[in-house]
C-alpha atoms as a PDB file:
ATOM      1  CA  UNK A   1     207.356 -87.421 -35.772  1.00  0.00           C
ATOM      2  CA  UNK A   2     208.857 -90.200 -37.901  1.00  0.00           C
ATOM      3  CA  UNK A   3     212.548 -90.661 -37.335  1.00  0.00           C
ATOM      4  CA  UNK A   4     214.756 -93.390 -38.705  1.00  0.00           C
ATOM      5  CA  UNK A   5     217.241 -94.855 -36.266  1.00  0.00           C
ATOM      6  CA  UNK A   6     219.912 -94.925 -38.931  1.00  0.00           C
ATOM      7  CA  UNK A   7     219.440 -91.230 -39.681  1.00  0.00           C
ATOM      8  CA  UNK A   8     219.357 -90.224 -36.036  1.00  0.00           C
ATOM      9  CA  UNK A   9     222.335 -92.338 -35.110  1.00  0.00           C
ATOM     10  CA  UNK A  10     224.418 -91.011 -37.984  1.00  0.00           C
ATOM     11  CA  UNK A  11     225.112 -87.646 -36.346  1.00  0.00           C
ATOM     12  CA  UNK A  12     225.440 -88.936 -32.808  1.00  0.00           C
ATOM     13  CA  UNK A  13     227.770 -91.785 -33.669  1.00  0.00           C
ATOM     14  CA  UNK A  14     230.202 -89.443 -35.330  1.00  0.00           C
ATOM     15  CA  UNK A  15     230.591 -87.612 -32.043  1.00  0.00           C
ATOM     16  CA  UNK A  16     230.213 -90.481 -29.548  1.00  0.00           C
ATOM     17  CA  UNK A  17     231.752 -93.602 -31.044  1.00  0.00           C
ATOM     18  CA  UNK A  18     234.321 -94.271 -33.722  1.00  0.00           C
ATOM     19  CA  UNK A  19     234.243 -97.229 -36.075  1.00  0.00           C
ATOM     20  CA  UNK A  20     237.413 -99.268 -36.162  1.00  0.00           C
ATOM     21  CA  UNK A  21     239.576 -98.664 -39.211  1.00  0.00           C
ATOM     22  CA  UNK A  22     240.187-102.390 -39.695  1.00  0.00           C
ATOM     23  CA  UNK A  23     236.500-103.393 -39.825  1.00  0.00           C
ATOM     24  CA  UNK A  24     235.593-105.335 -42.965  1.00  0.00           C
ATOM     25  CA  UNK A  25     232.175-106.596 -43.946  1.00  0.00           C
ATOM     26  CA  UNK A  26     232.300-110.307 -44.673  1.00  0.00           C
ATOM     27  CA  UNK A  27     230.395-112.076 -47.458  1.00  0.00           C
ATOM     28  CA  UNK A  28     226.679-112.585 -46.933  1.00  0.00           C
ATOM     29  CA  UNK A  29     224.837-115.880 -46.745  1.00  0.00           C
ATOM     30  CA  UNK A  30     222.470-116.602 -49.634  1.00  0.00           C
ATOM     31  CA  UNK A  31     219.404-116.673 -47.356  1.00  0.00           C
ATOM     32  CA  UNK A  32     219.247-113.318 -45.569  1.00  0.00           C
ATOM     33  CA  UNK A  33     215.601-113.365 -44.503  1.00  0.00           C
ATOM     34  CA  UNK A  34     214.636-113.064 -40.852  1.00  0.00           C
ATOM     35  CA  UNK A  35     213.996-110.676 -38.000  1.00  0.00           C
ATOM     36  CA  UNK A  36     217.083-109.242 -36.324  1.00  0.00           C
ATOM     37  CA  UNK A  37     217.492-107.219 -33.108  1.00  0.00           C
ATOM     38  CA  UNK A  38     220.193-104.573 -32.734  1.00  0.00           C
ATOM     39  CA  UNK A  39     222.801-105.516 -30.124  1.00  0.00           C
ATOM     40  CA  UNK A  40     225.688-103.099 -30.734  1.00  0.00           C
ATOM     41  CA  UNK A  41     226.819-100.018 -32.599  1.00  0.00           C
ATOM     42  CA  UNK A  42     230.572 -99.824 -33.229  1.00  0.00           C
ATOM     43  CA  UNK A  43     230.988-102.294 -30.387  1.00  0.00           C
ATOM     44  CA  UNK A  44     228.930-100.330 -27.845  1.00  0.00           C
ATOM     45  CA  UNK A  45     225.603-101.502 -26.444  1.00  0.00           C
ATOM     46  CA  UNK A  46     222.170 -99.958 -26.153  1.00  0.00           C
ATOM     47  CA  UNK A  47     220.721 -97.597 -25.135  1.00  0.00           C
ATOM     48  CA  UNK A  48     222.539 -94.903 -27.078  1.00  0.00           C
ATOM     49  CA  UNK A  49     221.732 -91.231 -27.474  1.00  0.00           C
ATOM     50  CA  UNK A  50     220.315 -91.011 -30.971  1.00  0.00           C
ATOM     51  CA  UNK A  51     219.400 -87.336 -30.979  1.00  0.00           C
ATOM     52  CA  UNK A  52     219.913 -84.408 -28.656  1.00  0.00           C
ATOM     53  CA  UNK A  53     218.079 -81.117 -29.075  1.00  0.00           C
ATOM     54  CA  UNK A  54     217.718 -78.087 -26.826  1.00  0.00           C
ATOM     55  CA  UNK A  55     214.453 -79.570 -25.501  1.00  0.00           C
ATOM     56  CA  UNK A  56     214.732 -83.381 -25.715  1.00  0.00           C
ATOM     57  CA  UNK A  57     217.126 -86.325 -25.534  1.00  0.00           C
ATOM     58  CA  UNK A  58     216.194 -89.309 -27.722  1.00  0.00           C
ATOM     59  CA  UNK A  59     217.675 -92.589 -26.459  1.00  0.00           C
ATOM     60  CA  UNK A  60     217.495 -95.524 -28.851  1.00  0.00           C
ATOM     61  CA  UNK A  61     216.413 -98.383 -26.592  1.00  0.00           C
ATOM     62  CA  UNK A  62     215.769-101.092 -29.210  1.00  0.00           C
ATOM     63  CA  UNK A  63     215.770-101.592 -32.962  1.00  0.00           C
ATOM     64  CA  UNK A  64     214.581-104.474 -35.120  1.00  0.00           C
ATOM     65  CA  UNK A  65     215.162-105.089 -38.790  1.00  0.00           C
ATOM     66  CA  UNK A  66     213.046-107.586 -40.713  1.00  0.00           C
ATOM     67  CA  UNK A  67     214.402-108.777 -44.044  1.00  0.00           C
ATOM     68  CA  UNK A  68     211.789-110.518 -46.205  1.00  0.00           C
ATOM     69  CA  UNK A  69     212.309-112.994 -49.032  1.00  0.00           C
ATOM     70  CA  UNK A  70     210.474-110.643 -51.437  1.00  0.00           C
ATOM     71  CA  UNK A  71     213.497-108.249 -51.424  1.00  0.00           C
ATOM     72  CA  UNK A  72     211.940-105.792 -48.959  1.00  0.00           C
ATOM     73  CA  UNK A  73     212.976-104.786 -45.457  1.00  0.00           C
ATOM     74  CA  UNK A  74     211.471-102.873 -42.553  1.00  0.00           C
ATOM     75  CA  UNK A  75     213.161-101.339 -39.522  1.00  0.00           C
ATOM     76  CA  UNK A  76     211.314-100.417 -36.327  1.00  0.00           C
ATOM     77  CA  UNK A  77     213.161 -98.217 -33.847  1.00  0.00           C
ATOM     78  CA  UNK A  78     212.094 -97.631 -30.240  1.00  0.00           C
ATOM     79  CA  UNK A  79     213.053 -94.520 -28.272  1.00  0.00           C
ATOM     80  CA  UNK A  80     212.801 -93.146 -24.762  1.00  0.00           C
ATOM     81  CA  UNK A  81     212.384 -89.391 -25.183  1.00  0.00           C
ATOM     82  CA  UNK A  82     213.397 -87.369 -22.131  1.00  0.00           C
ATOM     83  CA  UNK A  83     212.225 -83.786 -21.750  1.00  0.00           C
ATOM     84  CA  UNK A  84     215.234 -81.756 -20.684  1.00  0.00           C
ATOM     85  CA  UNK A  85     212.963 -79.163 -19.084  1.00  0.00           C
ATOM     86  CA  UNK A  86     210.878 -81.516 -16.923  1.00  0.00           C
ATOM     87  CA  UNK A  87     212.691 -84.862 -16.885  1.00  0.00           C
ATOM     88  CA  UNK A  88     209.560 -86.656 -18.056  1.00  0.00           C
ATOM     89  CA  UNK A  89     210.057 -89.662 -20.324  1.00  0.00           C
ATOM     90  CA  UNK A  90     207.781 -90.678 -23.184  1.00  0.00           C
ATOM     91  CA  UNK A  91     208.132 -93.584 -25.563  1.00  0.00           C
ATOM     92  CA  UNK A  92     208.218 -93.180 -29.328  1.00  0.00           C
ATOM     93  CA  UNK A  93     208.876 -95.389 -32.313  1.00  0.00           C
ATOM     94  CA  UNK A  94     209.641 -94.940 -35.975  1.00  0.00           C
ATOM     95  CA  UNK A  95     209.512 -97.135 -39.031  1.00  0.00           C
ATOM     96  CA  UNK A  96     211.774 -97.107 -42.076  1.00  0.00           C
ATOM     97  CA  UNK A  97     211.537 -99.513 -44.990  1.00  0.00           C
ATOM     98  CA  UNK A  98     212.822-100.196 -48.441  1.00  0.00           C
ATOM     99  CA  UNK A  99     214.191-102.763 -50.840  1.00  0.00           C
ATOM    100  CA  UNK A 100     217.422-104.717 -51.163  1.00  0.00           C
ATOM    101  CA  UNK A 101     219.459-106.685 -53.678  1.00  0.00           C
ATOM    102  CA  UNK A 102     222.351-109.052 -53.103  1.00  0.00           C
ATOM    103  CA  UNK A 103     225.353-108.351 -55.310  1.00  0.00           C
ATOM    104  CA  UNK A 104     229.085-108.987 -54.896  1.00  0.00           C
ATOM    105  CA  UNK A 105     228.394-111.072 -51.753  1.00  0.00           C
ATOM    106  CA  UNK A 106     226.794-108.180 -49.862  1.00  0.00           C
ATOM    107  CA  UNK A 107     223.287-106.847 -49.277  1.00  0.00           C
ATOM    108  CA  UNK A 108     222.645-103.444 -50.838  1.00  0.00           C
ATOM    109  CA  UNK A 109     219.780-101.706 -49.006  1.00  0.00           C
ATOM    110  CA  UNK A 110     217.822 -98.743 -50.376  1.00  0.00           C
ATOM    111  CA  UNK A 111     215.529 -96.817 -48.045  1.00  0.00           C
ATOM    112  CA  UNK A 112     212.181 -95.803 -49.577  1.00  0.00           C
ATOM    113  CA  UNK A 113     210.191 -94.802 -46.459  1.00  0.00           C
ATOM    114  CA  UNK A 114     211.808 -92.752 -43.687  1.00  0.00           C
ATOM    115  CA  UNK A 115     214.534 -91.326 -45.909  1.00  0.00           C
ATOM    116  CA  UNK A 116     216.497 -92.006 -49.082  1.00  0.00           C
ATOM    117  CA  UNK A 117     219.679 -93.557 -47.732  1.00  0.00           C
ATOM    118  CA  UNK A 118     221.578 -96.513 -49.135  1.00  0.00           C
ATOM    119  CA  UNK A 119     223.749 -98.807 -47.023  1.00  0.00           C
ATOM    120  CA  UNK A 120     225.315-102.256 -47.138  1.00  0.00           C
ATOM    121  CA  UNK A 121     225.167-105.333 -44.970  1.00  0.00           C
ATOM    122  CA  UNK A 122     225.756-109.050 -44.651  1.00  0.00           C
ATOM    123  CA  UNK A 123     224.097-111.947 -42.863  1.00  0.00           C
ATOM    124  CA  UNK A 124     226.458-114.611 -41.559  1.00  0.00           C
ATOM    125  CA  UNK A 125     224.651-117.318 -39.621  1.00  0.00           C
ATOM    126  CA  UNK A 126     222.480-115.568 -37.039  1.00  0.00           C
ATOM    127  CA  UNK A 127     224.290-112.228 -37.286  1.00  0.00           C
ATOM    128  CA  UNK A 128     223.374-109.274 -39.500  1.00  0.00           C
ATOM    129  CA  UNK A 129     225.987-106.536 -39.809  1.00  0.00           C
ATOM    130  CA  UNK A 130     225.131-103.196 -41.416  1.00  0.00           C
ATOM    131  CA  UNK A 131     227.567-100.477 -42.464  1.00  0.00           C
ATOM    132  CA  UNK A 132     226.116 -96.972 -42.597  1.00  0.00           C
ATOM    133  CA  UNK A 133     228.201 -93.781 -42.718  1.00  0.00           C
ATOM    134  CA  UNK A 134     231.343 -95.626 -41.578  1.00  0.00           C
ATOM    135  CA  UNK A 135     229.576 -97.045 -38.510  1.00  0.00           C
ATOM    136  CA  UNK A 136     228.785-100.729 -38.105  1.00  0.00           C
ATOM    137  CA  UNK A 137     225.591-102.043 -36.533  1.00  0.00           C
ATOM    138  CA  UNK A 138     225.348-105.644 -35.311  1.00  0.00           C
ATOM    139  CA  UNK A 139     221.981-107.398 -35.105  1.00  0.00           C
ATOM    140  CA  UNK A 140     221.162-110.936 -33.954  1.00  0.00           C
ATOM    141  CA  UNK A 141     218.394-113.188 -35.272  1.00  0.00           C
END
């Protein structure tokens, strides 16, 4: 099953964590390329429950986002999936990818594989911040 971390986190974050009203995305650096690792979601650390069903709990344990100079990006998300019936844990991963453009001092991402979402972000030094459905995700290079 292919699941995008951003899609899975969208529903859970609404219930579990609230973005601060005063959060503003700063202007992006001109060079945004690099590989970034997720460190926090709305100020909270990992792991985070990304999805909860009647049979399984999906914990996001790690997430990396690679931004390439050719205006493409790829996200790899890693999960620990716990069976609620047996307590057994399996590992899973998903990949999402797409394209981006930089306009008005921010990165505009468009997902092409793993969904059809659009979201914004900015790289400032070694930090990548993404804003998706009113939540902010902080990654470090």
